[in-house]
Amino acid sequence: LRIKGDSMEPKMSSGDVVIVRKQPDAESGDIAIVCINGDEATCKKIKKTPEGIMLISLNPAYEPMLYSKKQVKELPLTILGRVVELRAKF
């Protein structure tokens, strides 16, 4: 997938390509591709908590997004896969 936007700066820049292993779940600390409400997918670091799932941008200008267990089911929030490789152009 091609990264759009700057929420994952400085590690991933807009236009970079990530290789994703398709899988329905990810561990805390993984960078994953997540689909929210059946809309566009987003690339974020995952943090699982007893309350739900937090999606964290690497760019500190963006606040973490917290989704309760209820929201994860109702929206839904779906993990599409885990990022396993980053390809960047110089």
PDB file of N, CA and C in Angstrom:
ATOM      1  N   LEU A   1       0.840  -1.181   0.000  1.00  0.00           N
ATOM      2  CA  LEU A   1       0.000   0.000   0.000  1.00  0.00           C
ATOM      3  C   LEU A   1       0.880   1.238   0.000  1.00  0.00           C
ATOM      4  N   ARG A   2       0.367   2.314  -0.602  1.00  0.00           N
ATOM      5  CA  ARG A   2       1.102   3.576  -0.640  1.00  0.00           C
ATOM      6  C   ARG A   2       0.605   4.469   0.495  1.00  0.00           C
ATOM      7  N   ILE A   3       1.545   5.024   1.249  1.00  0.00           N
ATOM      8  CA  ILE A   3       1.225   5.904   2.375  1.00  0.00           C
ATOM      9  C   ILE A   3       0.796   7.274   1.853  1.00  0.00           C
ATOM     10  N   LYS A   4      -0.282   7.802   2.427  1.00  0.00           N
ATOM     11  CA  LYS A   4      -0.738   9.155   2.123  1.00  0.00           C
ATOM     12  C   LYS A   4      -0.776   9.935   3.424  1.00  0.00           C
ATOM     13  N   GLY A   5      -0.304  11.180   3.392  1.00  0.00           N
ATOM     14  CA  GLY A   5      -0.346  12.017   4.585  1.00  0.00           C
ATOM     15  C   GLY A   5       0.931  11.934   5.398  1.00  0.00           C
ATOM     16  N   ASP A   6       0.940  12.694   6.505  1.00  0.00           N
ATOM     17  CA  ASP A   6       2.152  12.804   7.314  1.00  0.00           C
ATOM     18  C   ASP A   6       2.004  12.275   8.738  1.00  0.00           C
ATOM     19  N   SER A   7       0.942  11.524   9.010  1.00  0.00           N
ATOM     20  CA  SER A   7       0.708  11.074  10.387  1.00  0.00           C
ATOM     21  C   SER A   7       1.743  10.059  10.877  1.00  0.00           C
ATOM     22  N   MET A   8       2.472   9.445   9.961  1.00  0.00           N
ATOM     23  CA  MET A   8       3.469   8.452  10.375  1.00  0.00           C
ATOM     24  C   MET A   8       4.900   8.965  10.200  1.00  0.00           C
ATOM     25  N   GLU A   9       5.054  10.283   9.973  1.00  0.00           N
ATOM     26  CA  GLU A   9       6.385  10.905   9.909  1.00  0.00           C
ATOM     27  C   GLU A   9       7.042  10.790  11.281  1.00  0.00           C
ATOM     28  N   PRO A  10       8.300  10.682  11.425  1.00  0.00           N
ATOM     29  CA  PRO A  10       9.316  10.722  10.379  1.00  0.00           C
ATOM     30  C   PRO A  10       9.651   9.353   9.790  1.00  0.00           C
ATOM     31  N   LYS A  11       9.108   8.275  10.318  1.00  0.00           N
ATOM     32  CA  LYS A  11       9.460   6.929   9.842  1.00  0.00           C
ATOM     33  C   LYS A  11       8.913   6.646   8.455  1.00  0.00           C
ATOM     34  N   MET A  12       7.664   7.033   8.210  1.00  0.00           N
ATOM     35  CA  MET A  12       7.020   6.795   6.917  1.00  0.00           C
ATOM     36  C   MET A  12       6.526   8.115   6.362  1.00  0.00           C
ATOM     37  N   SER A  13       6.853   8.367   5.103  1.00  0.00           N
ATOM     38  CA  SER A  13       6.457   9.614   4.464  1.00  0.00           C
ATOM     39  C   SER A  13       5.406   9.348   3.389  1.00  0.00           C
ATOM     40  N   SER A  14       4.658  10.388   3.057  1.00  0.00           N
ATOM     41  CA  SER A  14       3.671  10.288   1.995  1.00  0.00           C
ATOM     42  C   SER A  14       4.367   9.830   0.712  1.00  0.00           C
ATOM     43  N   GLY A  15       3.819   8.815   0.073  1.00  0.00           N
ATOM     44  CA  GLY A  15       4.411   8.263  -1.146  1.00  0.00           C
ATOM     45  C   GLY A  15       5.213   7.005  -0.913  1.00  0.00           C
ATOM     46  N   ASP A  16       5.635   6.756   0.334  1.00  0.00           N
ATOM     47  CA  ASP A  16       6.343   5.510   0.647  1.00  0.00           C
ATOM     48  C   ASP A  16       5.394   4.331   0.451  1.00  0.00           C
ATOM     49  N   VAL A  17       5.971   3.168   0.220  1.00  0.00           N
ATOM     50  CA  VAL A  17       5.182   1.951   0.041  1.00  0.00           C
ATOM     51  C   VAL A  17       5.451   1.019   1.219  1.00  0.00           C
ATOM     52  N   VAL A  18       4.377   0.469   1.796  1.00  0.00           N
ATOM     53  CA  VAL A  18       4.527  -0.525   2.861  1.00  0.00           C
ATOM     54  C   VAL A  18       4.031  -1.877   2.352  1.00  0.00           C
ATOM     55  N   ILE A  19       4.733  -2.903   2.745  1.00  0.00           N
ATOM     56  CA  ILE A  19       4.344  -4.273   2.432  1.00  0.00           C
ATOM     57  C   ILE A  19       3.584  -4.783   3.652  1.00  0.00           C
ATOM     58  N   VAL A  20       2.391  -5.322   3.424  1.00  0.00           N
ATOM     59  CA  VAL A  20       1.496  -5.703   4.519  1.00  0.00           C
ATOM     60  C   VAL A  20       1.203  -7.197   4.466  1.00  0.00           C
ATOM     61  N   ARG A  21       1.362  -7.846   5.622  1.00  0.00           N
ATOM     62  CA  ARG A  21       0.960  -9.254   5.750  1.00  0.00           C
ATOM     63  C   ARG A  21      -0.506  -9.261   6.161  1.00  0.00           C
ATOM     64  N   LYS A  22      -1.348  -9.800   5.301  1.00  0.00           N
ATOM     65  CA  LYS A  22      -2.783  -9.842   5.587  1.00  0.00           C
ATOM     66  C   LYS A  22      -3.029 -10.752   6.788  1.00  0.00           C
ATOM     67  N   GLN A  23      -3.644 -10.179   7.833  1.00  0.00           N
ATOM     68  CA  GLN A  23      -3.983 -10.947   9.031  1.00  0.00           C
ATOM     69  C   GLN A  23      -5.073 -10.192   9.786  1.00  0.00           C
ATOM     70  N   PRO A  24      -5.964 -10.903  10.476  1.00  0.00           N
ATOM     71  CA  PRO A  24      -7.121 -10.269  11.107  1.00  0.00           C
ATOM     72  C   PRO A  24      -6.848  -9.617  12.464  1.00  0.00           C
ATOM     73  N   ASP A  25      -5.615  -9.758  12.976  1.00  0.00           N
ATOM     74  CA  ASP A  25      -5.308  -9.193  14.287  1.00  0.00           C
ATOM     75  C   ASP A  25      -3.847  -8.760  14.304  1.00  0.00           C
ATOM     76  N   ALA A  26      -3.500  -7.944  15.292  1.00  0.00           N
ATOM     77  CA  ALA A  26      -2.118  -7.487  15.468  1.00  0.00           C
ATOM     78  C   ALA A  26      -1.858  -7.329  16.959  1.00  0.00           C
ATOM     79  N   GLU A  27      -0.589  -7.379  17.327  1.00  0.00           N
ATOM     80  CA  GLU A  27      -0.198  -7.245  18.727  1.00  0.00           C
ATOM     81  C   GLU A  27       0.050  -5.778  19.065  1.00  0.00           C
ATOM     82  N   SER A  28      -0.022  -5.442  20.349  1.00  0.00           N
ATOM     83  CA  SER A  28       0.350  -4.098  20.791  1.00  0.00           C
ATOM     84  C   SER A  28       1.779  -3.821  20.340  1.00  0.00           C
ATOM     85  N   GLY A  29       2.002  -2.640  19.796  1.00  0.00           N
ATOM     86  CA  GLY A  29       3.317  -2.268  19.315  1.00  0.00           C
ATOM     87  C   GLY A  29       3.499  -2.467  17.821  1.00  0.00           C
ATOM     88  N   ASP A  30       2.652  -3.292  17.204  1.00  0.00           N
ATOM     89  CA  ASP A  30       2.724  -3.502  15.757  1.00  0.00           C
ATOM     90  C   ASP A  30       2.218  -2.271  15.021  1.00  0.00           C
ATOM     91  N   ILE A  31       2.736  -2.052  13.831  1.00  0.00           N
ATOM     92  CA  ILE A  31       2.165  -1.057  12.928  1.00  0.00           C
ATOM     93  C   ILE A  31       1.265  -1.835  11.984  1.00  0.00           C
ATOM     94  N   ALA A  32       0.017  -1.400  11.901  1.00  0.00           N
ATOM     95  CA  ALA A  32      -0.972  -2.158  11.143  1.00  0.00           C
ATOM     96  C   ALA A  32      -1.787  -1.253  10.233  1.00  0.00           C
ATOM     97  N   ILE A  33      -2.450  -1.876   9.277  1.00  0.00           N
ATOM     98  CA  ILE A  33      -3.408  -1.190   8.425  1.00  0.00           C
ATOM     99  C   ILE A  33      -4.782  -1.501   9.018  1.00  0.00           C
ATOM    100  N   VAL A  34      -5.519  -0.427   9.332  1.00  0.00           N
ATOM    101  CA  VAL A  34      -6.802  -0.567  10.025  1.00  0.00           C
ATOM    102  C   VAL A  34      -7.877   0.153   9.223  1.00  0.00           C
ATOM    103  N   CYS A  35      -9.001  -0.523   9.044  1.00  0.00           N
ATOM    104  CA  CYS A  35     -10.151   0.067   8.368  1.00  0.00           C
ATOM    105  C   CYS A  35     -11.164   0.487   9.428  1.00  0.00           C
ATOM    106  N   ILE A  36     -11.583   1.758   9.375  1.00  0.00           N
ATOM    107  CA  ILE A  36     -12.526   2.287  10.358  1.00  0.00           C
ATOM    108  C   ILE A  36     -13.841   2.589   9.665  1.00  0.00           C
ATOM    109  N   ASN A  37     -14.922   1.980  10.137  1.00  0.00           N
ATOM    110  CA  ASN A  37     -16.265   2.239   9.629  1.00  0.00           C
ATOM    111  C   ASN A  37     -16.392   1.909   8.143  1.00  0.00           C
ATOM    112  N   GLY A  38     -15.645   0.908   7.670  1.00  0.00           N
ATOM    113  CA  GLY A  38     -15.727   0.506   6.272  1.00  0.00           C
ATOM    114  C   GLY A  38     -15.194   1.550   5.313  1.00  0.00           C
ATOM    115  N   ASP A  39     -14.557   2.613   5.843  1.00  0.00           N
ATOM    116  CA  ASP A  39     -14.052   3.722   5.036  1.00  0.00           C
ATOM    117  C   ASP A  39     -12.609   3.429   4.636  1.00  0.00           C
ATOM    118  N   GLU A  40     -11.845   4.470   4.311  1.00  0.00           N
ATOM    119  CA  GLU A  40     -10.448   4.294   3.930  1.00  0.00           C
ATOM    120  C   GLU A  40      -9.637   3.668   5.051  1.00  0.00           C
ATOM    121  N   ALA A  41      -8.605   2.962   4.647  1.00  0.00           N
ATOM    122  CA  ALA A  41      -7.721   2.335   5.617  1.00  0.00           C
ATOM    123  C   ALA A  41      -6.688   3.347   6.097  1.00  0.00           C
ATOM    124  N   THR A  42      -6.217   3.156   7.318  1.00  0.00           N
ATOM    125  CA  THR A  42      -5.192   4.022   7.892  1.00  0.00           C
ATOM    126  C   THR A  42      -4.056   3.156   8.416  1.00  0.00           C
ATOM    127  N   CYS A  43      -2.858   3.714   8.406  1.00  0.00           N
ATOM    128  CA  CYS A  43      -1.674   3.026   8.904  1.00  0.00           C
ATOM    129  C   CYS A  43      -1.338   3.641  10.259  1.00  0.00           C
ATOM    130  N   LYS A  44      -1.382   2.832  11.319  1.00  0.00           N
ATOM    131  CA  LYS A  44      -1.133   3.334  12.680  1.00  0.00           C
ATOM    132  C   LYS A  44      -0.473   2.250  13.527  1.00  0.00           C
ATOM    133  N   LYS A  45       0.188   2.701  14.593  1.00  0.00           N
ATOM    134  CA  LYS A  45       0.719   1.790  15.608  1.00  0.00           C
ATOM    135  C   LYS A  45      -0.445   1.390  16.505  1.00  0.00           C
ATOM    136  N   ILE A  46      -0.530   0.109  16.831  1.00  0.00           N
ATOM    137  CA  ILE A  46      -1.628  -0.437  17.634  1.00  0.00           C
ATOM    138  C   ILE A  46      -1.209  -0.522  19.104  1.00  0.00           C
ATOM    139  N   LYS A  47      -2.108  -0.135  19.987  1.00  0.00           N
ATOM    140  CA  LYS A  47      -1.906  -0.383  21.413  1.00  0.00           C
ATOM    141  C   LYS A  47      -3.229  -0.901  21.957  1.00  0.00           C
ATOM    142  N   LYS A  48      -3.207  -2.136  22.436  1.00  0.00           N
ATOM    143  CA  LYS A  48      -4.418  -2.723  23.010  1.00  0.00           C
ATOM    144  C   LYS A  48      -4.457  -2.409  24.496  1.00  0.00           C
ATOM    145  N   THR A  49      -5.631  -2.016  24.968  1.00  0.00           N
ATOM    146  CA  THR A  49      -5.833  -1.709  26.383  1.00  0.00           C
ATOM    147  C   THR A  49      -7.044  -2.503  26.864  1.00  0.00           C
ATOM    148  N   PRO A  50      -7.250  -2.583  28.180  1.00  0.00           N
ATOM    149  CA  PRO A  50      -8.451  -3.272  28.677  1.00  0.00           C
ATOM    150  C   PRO A  50      -9.746  -2.601  28.183  1.00  0.00           C
ATOM    151  N   GLU A  51      -9.665  -1.305  27.860  1.00  0.00           N
ATOM    152  CA  GLU A  51     -10.853  -0.569  27.419  1.00  0.00           C
ATOM    153  C   GLU A  51     -11.130  -0.735  25.925  1.00  0.00           C
ATOM    154  N   GLY A  52     -10.097  -1.046  25.133  1.00  0.00           N
ATOM    155  CA  GLY A  52     -10.282  -1.161  23.694  1.00  0.00           C
ATOM    156  C   GLY A  52      -8.959  -1.102  22.958  1.00  0.00           C
ATOM    157  N   ILE A  53      -8.945  -0.373  21.839  1.00  0.00           N
ATOM    158  CA  ILE A  53      -7.751  -0.271  21.000  1.00  0.00           C
ATOM    159  C   ILE A  53      -7.404   1.202  20.783  1.00  0.00           C
ATOM    160  N   MET A  54      -6.121   1.516  20.877  1.00  0.00           N
ATOM    161  CA  MET A  54      -5.642   2.856  20.601  1.00  0.00           C
ATOM    162  C   MET A  54      -4.839   2.806  19.302  1.00  0.00           C
ATOM    163  N   LEU A  55      -5.122   3.744  18.394  1.00  0.00           N
ATOM    164  CA  LEU A  55      -4.367   3.876  17.153  1.00  0.00           C
ATOM    165  C   LEU A  55      -3.476   5.099  17.305  1.00  0.00           C
ATOM    166  N   ILE A  56      -2.175   4.894  17.180  1.00  0.00           N
ATOM    167  CA  ILE A  56      -1.205   5.934  17.488  1.00  0.00           C
ATOM    168  C   ILE A  56      -0.413   6.319  16.240  1.00  0.00           C
ATOM    169  N   SER A  57      -0.409   7.607  15.935  1.00  0.00           N
ATOM    170  CA  SER A  57       0.427   8.140  14.861  1.00  0.00           C
ATOM    171  C   SER A  57       1.844   8.274  15.398  1.00  0.00           C
ATOM    172  N   LEU A  58       2.835   8.113  14.525  1.00  0.00           N
ATOM    173  CA  LEU A  58       4.222   8.325  14.946  1.00  0.00           C
ATOM    174  C   LEU A  58       4.544   9.814  15.000  1.00  0.00           C
ATOM    175  N   ASN A  59       3.799  10.625  14.260  1.00  0.00           N
ATOM    176  CA  ASN A  59       3.968  12.072  14.255  1.00  0.00           C
ATOM    177  C   ASN A  59       3.306  12.631  15.517  1.00  0.00           C
ATOM    178  N   PRO A  60       4.061  13.281  16.410  1.00  0.00           N
ATOM    179  CA  PRO A  60       3.487  13.777  17.667  1.00  0.00           C
ATOM    180  C   PRO A  60       2.454  14.892  17.487  1.00  0.00           C
ATOM    181  N   ALA A  61       2.306  15.417  16.284  1.00  0.00           N
ATOM    182  CA  ALA A  61       1.298  16.451  16.025  1.00  0.00           C
ATOM    183  C   ALA A  61      -0.120  15.870  16.033  1.00  0.00           C
ATOM    184  N   TYR A  62      -0.212  14.555  15.954  1.00  0.00           N
ATOM    185  CA  TYR A  62      -1.524  13.890  15.926  1.00  0.00           C
ATOM    186  C   TYR A  62      -1.789  13.187  17.255  1.00  0.00           C
ATOM    187  N   GLU A  63      -2.973  13.406  17.808  1.00  0.00           N
ATOM    188  CA  GLU A  63      -3.380  12.760  19.056  1.00  0.00           C
ATOM    189  C   GLU A  63      -3.725  11.285  18.787  1.00  0.00           C
ATOM    190  N   PRO A  64      -3.450  10.390  19.744  1.00  0.00           N
ATOM    191  CA  PRO A  64      -3.888   8.997  19.601  1.00  0.00           C
ATOM    192  C   PRO A  64      -5.417   8.927  19.521  1.00  0.00           C
ATOM    193  N   MET A  65      -5.905   7.937  18.789  1.00  0.00           N
ATOM    194  CA  MET A  65      -7.347   7.721  18.665  1.00  0.00           C
ATOM    195  C   MET A  65      -7.708   6.477  19.470  1.00  0.00           C
ATOM    196  N   LEU A  66      -8.590   6.632  20.465  1.00  0.00           N
ATOM    197  CA  LEU A  66      -8.984   5.515  21.313  1.00  0.00           C
ATOM    198  C   LEU A  66     -10.376   5.047  20.924  1.00  0.00           C
ATOM    199  N   TYR A  67     -10.511   3.751  20.717  1.00  0.00           N
ATOM    200  CA  TYR A  67     -11.797   3.142  20.381  1.00  0.00           C
ATOM    201  C   TYR A  67     -12.141   2.116  21.451  1.00  0.00           C
ATOM    202  N   SER A  68     -13.311   2.257  22.041  1.00  0.00           N
ATOM    203  CA  SER A  68     -13.760   1.306  23.062  1.00  0.00           C
ATOM    204  C   SER A  68     -14.070  -0.034  22.399  1.00  0.00           C
ATOM    205  N   LYS A  69     -14.163  -1.073  23.208  1.00  0.00           N
ATOM    206  CA  LYS A  69     -14.513  -2.401  22.676  1.00  0.00           C
ATOM    207  C   LYS A  69     -15.851  -2.349  21.948  1.00  0.00           C
ATOM    208  N   LYS A  70     -16.787  -1.552  22.468  1.00  0.00           N
ATOM    209  CA  LYS A  70     -18.097  -1.399  21.837  1.00  0.00           C
ATOM    210  C   LYS A  70     -17.945  -0.741  20.461  1.00  0.00           C
ATOM    211  N   GLN A  71     -17.140   0.325  20.382  1.00  0.00           N
ATOM    212  CA  GLN A  71     -16.922   1.006  19.107  1.00  0.00           C
ATOM    213  C   GLN A  71     -16.227   0.084  18.097  1.00  0.00           C
ATOM    214  N   VAL A  72     -15.279  -0.726  18.565  1.00  0.00           N
ATOM    215  CA  VAL A  72     -14.571  -1.650  17.683  1.00  0.00           C
ATOM    216  C   VAL A  72     -15.575  -2.565  16.990  1.00  0.00           C
ATOM    217  N   LYS A  73     -16.584  -3.034  17.726  1.00  0.00           N
ATOM    218  CA  LYS A  73     -17.592  -3.919  17.150  1.00  0.00           C
ATOM    219  C   LYS A  73     -18.616  -3.179  16.306  1.00  0.00           C
ATOM    220  N   GLU A  74     -19.055  -2.014  16.766  1.00  0.00           N
ATOM    221  CA  GLU A  74     -20.160  -1.318  16.109  1.00  0.00           C
ATOM    222  C   GLU A  74     -19.754  -0.522  14.870  1.00  0.00           C
ATOM    223  N   LEU A  75     -18.553   0.063  14.849  1.00  0.00           N
ATOM    224  CA  LEU A  75     -18.174   0.894  13.698  1.00  0.00           C
ATOM    225  C   LEU A  75     -18.127   0.111  12.383  1.00  0.00           C
ATOM    226  N   PRO A  76     -17.532  -0.948  12.146  1.00  0.00           N
ATOM    227  CA  PRO A  76     -16.531  -1.621  12.980  1.00  0.00           C
ATOM    228  C   PRO A  76     -15.129  -1.081  12.703  1.00  0.00           C
ATOM    229  N   LEU A  77     -14.206  -1.473  13.560  1.00  0.00           N
ATOM    230  CA  LEU A  77     -12.789  -1.217  13.367  1.00  0.00           C
ATOM    231  C   LEU A  77     -12.169  -2.573  13.020  1.00  0.00           C
ATOM    232  N   THR A  78     -11.599  -2.682  11.832  1.00  0.00           N
ATOM    233  CA  THR A  78     -11.094  -3.957  11.348  1.00  0.00           C
ATOM    234  C   THR A  78      -9.607  -3.868  11.030  1.00  0.00           C
ATOM    235  N   ILE A  79      -8.828  -4.753  11.604  1.00  0.00           N
ATOM    236  CA  ILE A  79      -7.404  -4.831  11.277  1.00  0.00           C
ATOM    237  C   ILE A  79      -7.290  -5.636   9.986  1.00  0.00           C
ATOM    238  N   LEU A  80      -6.675  -5.028   8.970  1.00  0.00           N
ATOM    239  CA  LEU A  80      -6.521  -5.687   7.675  1.00  0.00           C
ATOM    240  C   LEU A  80      -5.201  -6.441   7.572  1.00  0.00           C
ATOM    241  N   GLY A  81      -4.186  -5.960   8.291  1.00  0.00           N
ATOM    242  CA  GLY A  81      -2.899  -6.638   8.236  1.00  0.00           C
ATOM    243  C   GLY A  81      -1.834  -5.866   8.976  1.00  0.00           C
ATOM    244  N   ARG A  82      -0.664  -6.507   9.107  1.00  0.00           N
ATOM    245  CA  ARG A  82       0.471  -5.931   9.826  1.00  0.00           C
ATOM    246  C   ARG A  82       1.538  -5.507   8.824  1.00  0.00           C
ATOM    247  N   VAL A  83       2.064  -4.297   9.010  1.00  0.00           N
ATOM    248  CA  VAL A  83       3.135  -3.806   8.145  1.00  0.00           C
ATOM    249  C   VAL A  83       4.405  -4.596   8.459  1.00  0.00           C
ATOM    250  N   VAL A  84       5.004  -5.194   7.421  1.00  0.00           N
ATOM    251  CA  VAL A  84       6.204  -6.007   7.616  1.00  0.00           C
ATOM    252  C   VAL A  84       7.432  -5.407   6.931  1.00  0.00           C
ATOM    253  N   GLU A  85       7.211  -4.423   6.034  1.00  0.00           N
ATOM    254  CA  GLU A  85       8.333  -3.835   5.329  1.00  0.00           C
ATOM    255  C   GLU A  85       7.975  -2.439   4.844  1.00  0.00           C
ATOM    256  N   LEU A  86       8.965  -1.564   4.809  1.00  0.00           N
ATOM    257  CA  LEU A  86       8.797  -0.193   4.317  1.00  0.00           C
ATOM    258  C   LEU A  86       9.762   0.002   3.156  1.00  0.00           C
ATOM    259  N   ARG A  87       9.227   0.513   2.045  1.00  0.00           N
ATOM    260  CA  ARG A  87      10.075   0.837   0.888  1.00  0.00           C
ATOM    261  C   ARG A  87       9.934   2.337   0.633  1.00  0.00           C
ATOM    262  N   ALA A  88      11.059   3.032   0.733  1.00  0.00           N
ATOM    263  CA  ALA A  88      11.060   4.486   0.560  1.00  0.00           C
ATOM    264  C   ALA A  88      11.985   4.869  -0.587  1.00  0.00           C
ATOM    265  N   LYS A  89      11.632   5.956  -1.272  1.00  0.00           N
ATOM    266  CA  LYS A  89      12.476   6.478  -2.336  1.00  0.00           C
ATOM    267  C   LYS A  89      13.275   7.653  -1.797  1.00  0.00           C
ATOM    268  N   PHE A  90      14.481   7.817  -2.299  1.00  0.00           N
ATOM    269  CA  PHE A  90      15.345   8.912  -1.886  1.00  0.00           C
ATOM    270  C   PHE A  90      15.362   9.987  -2.948  1.00  0.00           C
TER     271      PHE A  90
END
